[in-house]
């Protein structure tokens, strides 16, 4: 059974930093492209950052230069370092793992940025 478990969310002031972590189990992690998506209230889920199985990152324009995605295949984990946080970064952040037609999601972790 595939599980993706996020951690690290919380409440932070604007300009602050948070690091999200996602621990994966039940899959061959190094074969998967993994990433982070977010969903704010009343909005659609959107891509934040992804990293391919060969460790090529991709970022949404809104987070470029502020967020850094990384993966640790030995620990089957993916992290998202978030700096210079803004109130508009407030959302539930979801971890995702994709391989061919397979796609798995975590349960999400809340990030709230106060102004």
N, C-alpha and C. Protein backbone atom coordinates (compact mmCIF):
# COMPACT_ATOMS: atom_id res chain seq x y z
N UNK A 1 0.84 -1.19 0.00
CA UNK A 1 0.00 0.00 0.00
C UNK A 1 0.88 1.24 0.00
N UNK A 2 0.62 2.12 -0.96
CA UNK A 2 1.41 3.34 -1.08
C UNK A 2 0.92 4.36 -0.06
N UNK A 3 1.88 4.98 0.63
CA UNK A 3 1.55 6.06 1.56
C UNK A 3 2.51 7.21 1.35
N UNK A 4 1.95 8.40 1.35
CA UNK A 4 2.73 9.63 1.33
C UNK A 4 2.29 10.44 2.55
N UNK A 5 3.23 10.73 3.43
CA UNK A 5 2.89 11.41 4.67
C UNK A 5 3.65 12.72 4.76
N UNK A 6 2.89 13.81 4.73
CA UNK A 6 3.50 15.13 4.81
C UNK A 6 3.65 15.58 6.25
N UNK A 7 4.62 16.43 6.49
CA UNK A 7 4.81 17.05 7.79
C UNK A 7 5.50 18.39 7.60
N UNK A 8 5.47 19.20 8.65
CA UNK A 8 6.20 20.46 8.63
C UNK A 8 5.37 21.70 8.43
N UNK A 9 4.08 21.55 8.20
CA UNK A 9 3.25 22.72 8.03
C UNK A 9 3.06 23.46 9.34
N UNK A 10 2.47 24.64 9.24
CA UNK A 10 2.21 25.41 10.45
C UNK A 10 1.89 26.84 10.13
N UNK A 11 1.96 27.66 11.18
CA UNK A 11 1.68 29.09 11.09
C UNK A 11 3.00 29.85 11.14
N UNK A 12 3.17 30.77 10.19
CA UNK A 12 4.40 31.55 10.14
C UNK A 12 4.06 32.97 9.71
N UNK A 13 4.85 33.92 10.14
CA UNK A 13 4.64 35.30 9.72
C UNK A 13 5.19 35.52 8.32
N UNK A 14 4.64 36.50 7.64
CA UNK A 14 5.14 36.87 6.32
C UNK A 14 6.64 37.16 6.40
N UNK A 15 7.36 36.66 5.41
CA UNK A 15 8.81 36.79 5.40
C UNK A 15 9.55 35.64 6.05
N UNK A 16 8.80 34.79 6.72
CA UNK A 16 9.41 33.65 7.42
C UNK A 16 9.64 32.46 6.51
N UNK A 17 10.07 31.38 7.13
CA UNK A 17 10.43 30.17 6.40
C UNK A 17 9.81 28.94 7.04
N UNK A 18 9.57 27.94 6.21
CA UNK A 18 9.11 26.63 6.65
C UNK A 18 9.71 25.59 5.71
N UNK A 19 9.90 24.40 6.25
CA UNK A 19 10.31 23.28 5.40
C UNK A 19 9.30 22.16 5.54
N UNK A 20 8.74 21.75 4.41
CA UNK A 20 7.80 20.63 4.38
C UNK A 20 8.56 19.37 4.01
N UNK A 21 8.14 18.26 4.58
CA UNK A 21 8.73 16.96 4.27
C UNK A 21 7.63 15.99 3.90
N UNK A 22 7.97 15.05 3.02
CA UNK A 22 7.03 14.01 2.63
C UNK A 22 7.78 12.68 2.64
N UNK A 23 7.29 11.76 3.45
CA UNK A 23 7.88 10.44 3.54
C UNK A 23 7.02 9.45 2.77
N UNK A 24 7.64 8.75 1.83
CA UNK A 24 6.92 7.81 0.98
C UNK A 24 7.23 6.37 1.38
N UNK A 25 6.23 5.53 1.22
CA UNK A 25 6.43 4.10 1.47
C UNK A 25 5.53 3.31 0.54
N UNK A 26 5.91 2.05 0.29
CA UNK A 26 5.10 1.19 -0.55
C UNK A 26 5.30 1.36 -2.04
N UNK A 27 6.34 2.09 -2.43
CA UNK A 27 6.63 2.28 -3.84
C UNK A 27 8.13 2.35 -4.06
N UNK A 28 8.54 2.13 -5.31
CA UNK A 28 9.95 2.24 -5.67
C UNK A 28 10.23 3.71 -5.92
N UNK A 29 10.59 4.40 -4.87
CA UNK A 29 10.60 5.86 -4.86
C UNK A 29 11.46 6.45 -5.97
N UNK A 30 12.61 5.85 -6.23
CA UNK A 30 13.53 6.49 -7.19
C UNK A 30 13.03 6.42 -8.63
N UNK A 31 11.95 5.73 -8.88
CA UNK A 31 11.36 5.68 -10.23
C UNK A 31 10.34 6.80 -10.45
N UNK A 32 9.92 7.42 -9.37
CA UNK A 32 8.81 8.36 -9.43
C UNK A 32 9.28 9.81 -9.55
N UNK A 33 8.55 10.56 -10.35
CA UNK A 33 8.63 12.01 -10.27
C UNK A 33 7.78 12.41 -9.05
N UNK A 34 8.31 13.30 -8.23
CA UNK A 34 7.58 13.69 -7.02
C UNK A 34 7.47 15.20 -6.96
N UNK A 35 6.52 15.67 -6.18
CA UNK A 35 6.36 17.10 -6.13
C UNK A 35 5.37 17.55 -5.09
N UNK A 36 5.18 18.86 -5.07
CA UNK A 36 4.27 19.52 -4.13
C UNK A 36 3.26 20.34 -4.91
N UNK A 37 2.03 20.24 -4.47
CA UNK A 37 0.92 21.02 -4.99
C UNK A 37 0.26 21.70 -3.81
N UNK A 38 -0.53 22.73 -4.07
CA UNK A 38 -1.24 23.39 -2.98
C UNK A 38 -2.63 23.79 -3.43
N UNK A 39 -3.50 23.90 -2.44
CA UNK A 39 -4.87 24.31 -2.69
C UNK A 39 -5.31 25.28 -1.62
N UNK A 40 -5.60 26.50 -2.06
CA UNK A 40 -6.12 27.52 -1.16
C UNK A 40 -7.64 27.45 -1.15
N UNK A 41 -8.27 27.95 -0.10
CA UNK A 41 -9.73 27.91 -0.03
C UNK A 41 -10.37 28.56 -1.25
N UNK A 42 -11.31 27.85 -1.87
CA UNK A 42 -12.02 28.39 -3.01
C UNK A 42 -11.26 28.37 -4.31
N UNK A 43 -10.07 27.78 -4.30
CA UNK A 43 -9.25 27.75 -5.51
C UNK A 43 -8.93 26.30 -5.89
N UNK A 44 -8.50 26.14 -7.14
CA UNK A 44 -8.11 24.82 -7.61
C UNK A 44 -6.72 24.47 -7.11
N UNK A 45 -6.47 23.18 -7.03
CA UNK A 45 -5.14 22.72 -6.66
C UNK A 45 -4.15 23.13 -7.77
N UNK A 46 -3.00 23.61 -7.35
CA UNK A 46 -2.02 24.08 -8.33
C UNK A 46 -0.63 23.53 -8.01
N UNK A 47 0.16 23.42 -9.08
CA UNK A 47 1.52 22.94 -8.93
C UNK A 47 2.37 23.99 -8.20
N UNK A 48 3.19 23.52 -7.27
CA UNK A 48 4.16 24.39 -6.61
C UNK A 48 5.56 24.08 -7.15
N UNK A 49 5.96 22.81 -7.02
CA UNK A 49 7.28 22.41 -7.49
C UNK A 49 7.29 20.90 -7.68
N UNK A 50 8.03 20.45 -8.66
CA UNK A 50 8.22 19.02 -8.89
C UNK A 50 9.70 18.74 -9.10
N UNK A 51 10.06 17.49 -8.91
CA UNK A 51 11.43 17.06 -9.18
C UNK A 51 11.35 15.68 -9.81
N UNK A 52 12.02 15.51 -10.92
CA UNK A 52 11.91 14.26 -11.65
C UNK A 52 12.72 13.16 -10.98
N UNK A 53 12.56 11.96 -11.49
CA UNK A 53 13.32 10.83 -10.96
C UNK A 53 14.82 11.02 -11.17
N UNK A 54 15.18 11.88 -12.11
CA UNK A 54 16.60 12.20 -12.35
C UNK A 54 17.00 13.53 -11.70
N UNK A 55 16.15 13.99 -10.76
CA UNK A 55 16.43 15.17 -9.93
C UNK A 55 16.45 16.49 -10.69
N UNK A 56 15.63 16.59 -11.71
CA UNK A 56 15.48 17.87 -12.40
C UNK A 56 14.28 18.59 -11.79
N UNK A 57 14.50 19.78 -11.20
CA UNK A 57 13.39 20.49 -10.57
C UNK A 57 12.61 21.38 -11.55
N UNK A 58 11.40 21.66 -11.15
CA UNK A 58 10.55 22.57 -11.90
C UNK A 58 9.72 23.34 -10.88
N UNK A 59 9.57 24.64 -11.09
CA UNK A 59 8.86 25.48 -10.13
C UNK A 59 7.78 26.30 -10.81
N UNK A 60 6.73 26.55 -10.06
CA UNK A 60 5.74 27.54 -10.50
C UNK A 60 6.41 28.91 -10.46
N UNK A 61 5.99 29.77 -11.36
CA UNK A 61 6.59 31.11 -11.42
C UNK A 61 6.42 31.85 -10.10
N UNK A 62 5.33 31.59 -9.42
CA UNK A 62 5.02 32.32 -8.18
C UNK A 62 5.97 31.98 -7.04
N UNK A 63 6.70 30.87 -7.15
CA UNK A 63 7.57 30.48 -6.04
C UNK A 63 9.04 30.43 -6.44
N UNK A 64 9.34 30.65 -7.70
CA UNK A 64 10.74 30.61 -8.16
C UNK A 64 11.58 31.60 -7.36
N UNK A 65 12.74 31.13 -6.93
CA UNK A 65 13.64 31.98 -6.17
C UNK A 65 13.33 32.00 -4.68
N UNK A 66 12.18 31.47 -4.28
CA UNK A 66 11.82 31.46 -2.86
C UNK A 66 11.74 30.03 -2.30
N UNK A 67 11.32 29.09 -3.13
CA UNK A 67 11.15 27.70 -2.69
C UNK A 67 12.20 26.81 -3.35
N UNK A 68 12.62 25.78 -2.63
CA UNK A 68 13.57 24.81 -3.17
C UNK A 68 13.08 23.40 -2.88
N UNK A 69 12.96 22.60 -3.93
CA UNK A 69 12.55 21.21 -3.78
C UNK A 69 13.78 20.31 -3.85
N UNK A 70 13.77 19.27 -3.04
CA UNK A 70 14.87 18.32 -3.07
C UNK A 70 14.33 16.93 -2.74
N UNK A 71 15.08 15.92 -3.14
CA UNK A 71 14.65 14.55 -2.84
C UNK A 71 15.82 13.75 -2.29
N UNK A 72 15.48 12.78 -1.47
CA UNK A 72 16.46 11.86 -0.90
C UNK A 72 15.96 10.46 -1.19
N UNK A 73 16.51 9.86 -2.24
CA UNK A 73 16.02 8.54 -2.64
C UNK A 73 16.33 7.46 -1.59
N UNK A 74 17.43 7.63 -0.88
CA UNK A 74 17.79 6.64 0.13
C UNK A 74 16.75 6.60 1.25
N UNK A 75 16.13 7.74 1.51
CA UNK A 75 15.12 7.81 2.57
C UNK A 75 13.70 7.88 2.03
N UNK A 76 13.56 7.79 0.70
CA UNK A 76 12.23 7.87 0.07
C UNK A 76 11.49 9.11 0.54
N UNK A 77 12.17 10.25 0.42
CA UNK A 77 11.59 11.49 0.94
C UNK A 77 11.80 12.63 -0.03
N UNK A 78 10.89 13.57 0.02
CA UNK A 78 11.00 14.80 -0.75
C UNK A 78 10.69 15.96 0.18
N UNK A 79 11.45 17.03 0.05
CA UNK A 79 11.29 18.19 0.91
C UNK A 79 11.04 19.44 0.09
N UNK A 80 10.44 20.41 0.72
CA UNK A 80 10.21 21.72 0.11
C UNK A 80 10.62 22.78 1.10
N UNK A 81 11.72 23.46 0.81
CA UNK A 81 12.16 24.58 1.65
C UNK A 81 11.48 25.84 1.13
N UNK A 82 10.77 26.50 2.01
CA UNK A 82 10.02 27.69 1.64
C UNK A 82 10.55 28.88 2.40
N UNK A 83 10.99 29.90 1.69
CA UNK A 83 11.48 31.12 2.31
C UNK A 83 10.70 32.32 1.80
N UNK A 84 10.90 33.44 2.46
CA UNK A 84 10.21 34.68 2.07
C UNK A 84 8.72 34.42 1.85
N UNK A 85 8.12 33.74 2.79
CA UNK A 85 6.71 33.36 2.64
C UNK A 85 5.79 34.58 2.64
N UNK A 86 4.73 34.46 1.86
CA UNK A 86 3.75 35.54 1.69
C UNK A 86 2.38 35.04 2.11
N UNK A 87 1.49 35.94 2.48
CA UNK A 87 0.14 35.51 2.83
C UNK A 87 -0.53 34.70 1.71
N UNK A 88 -0.21 35.00 0.48
CA UNK A 88 -0.82 34.27 -0.65
C UNK A 88 -0.26 32.85 -0.79
N UNK A 89 0.75 32.49 -0.01
CA UNK A 89 1.23 31.11 0.02
C UNK A 89 0.38 30.24 0.94
N UNK A 90 -0.54 30.85 1.65
CA UNK A 90 -1.42 30.10 2.56
C UNK A 90 -2.25 29.09 1.77
N UNK A 91 -2.17 27.84 2.17
CA UNK A 91 -2.88 26.76 1.46
C UNK A 91 -2.62 25.44 2.18
N UNK A 92 -3.34 24.43 1.74
CA UNK A 92 -2.98 23.06 2.11
C UNK A 92 -2.00 22.56 1.05
N UNK A 93 -0.88 22.05 1.50
CA UNK A 93 0.17 21.58 0.61
C UNK A 93 0.14 20.06 0.56
N UNK A 94 0.12 19.53 -0.67
CA UNK A 94 0.02 18.09 -0.89
C UNK A 94 1.27 17.56 -1.58
N UNK A 95 1.70 16.42 -1.13
CA UNK A 95 2.79 15.70 -1.77
C UNK A 95 2.20 14.77 -2.83
N UNK A 96 2.91 14.64 -3.96
CA UNK A 96 2.45 13.79 -5.05
C UNK A 96 3.61 12.98 -5.61
N UNK A 97 3.30 11.75 -5.99
CA UNK A 97 4.29 10.89 -6.65
C UNK A 97 3.66 10.32 -7.92
N UNK A 98 4.39 10.43 -9.05
CA UNK A 98 3.86 9.98 -10.34
C UNK A 98 4.86 9.08 -11.04
N UNK A 99 4.31 8.01 -11.65
CA UNK A 99 5.12 7.13 -12.48
C UNK A 99 4.22 6.57 -13.56
N UNK A 100 4.49 6.88 -14.80
CA UNK A 100 3.61 6.50 -15.91
C UNK A 100 2.18 6.95 -15.59
N UNK A 101 1.23 6.01 -15.55
CA UNK A 101 -0.16 6.38 -15.32
C UNK A 101 -0.53 6.38 -13.83
N UNK A 102 0.44 6.07 -12.98
CA UNK A 102 0.17 6.02 -11.54
C UNK A 102 0.40 7.39 -10.90
N UNK A 103 -0.48 7.75 -10.00
CA UNK A 103 -0.35 9.03 -9.29
C UNK A 103 -0.90 8.85 -7.88
N UNK A 104 -0.09 9.21 -6.89
CA UNK A 104 -0.49 9.06 -5.49
C UNK A 104 -0.37 10.40 -4.78
N UNK A 105 -1.27 10.60 -3.81
CA UNK A 105 -1.32 11.85 -3.06
C UNK A 105 -1.22 11.60 -1.57
N UNK A 106 -0.63 12.56 -0.89
CA UNK A 106 -0.67 12.57 0.56
C UNK A 106 -1.95 13.23 1.04
N UNK A 107 -2.09 13.30 2.35
CA UNK A 107 -3.32 13.84 2.94
C UNK A 107 -3.27 15.36 3.08
N UNK A 108 -2.10 15.94 2.90
CA UNK A 108 -1.98 17.39 2.95
C UNK A 108 -1.54 17.91 4.30
N UNK A 109 -0.87 19.06 4.27
CA UNK A 109 -0.46 19.75 5.49
C UNK A 109 -0.74 21.24 5.31
N UNK A 110 -1.29 21.85 6.33
CA UNK A 110 -1.71 23.25 6.25
C UNK A 110 -0.52 24.18 6.48
N UNK A 111 -0.40 25.16 5.60
CA UNK A 111 0.56 26.24 5.77
C UNK A 111 -0.23 27.54 5.81
N UNK A 112 -0.05 28.29 6.87
CA UNK A 112 -0.73 29.57 7.03
C UNK A 112 0.31 30.66 7.24
N UNK A 113 0.26 31.68 6.39
CA UNK A 113 1.20 32.79 6.49
C UNK A 113 0.42 34.03 6.89
N UNK A 114 0.75 34.57 8.03
CA UNK A 114 0.05 35.76 8.52
C UNK A 114 0.77 37.02 8.08
N UNK A 115 -0.02 38.06 7.85
CA UNK A 115 0.56 39.33 7.37
C UNK A 115 0.94 40.22 8.54
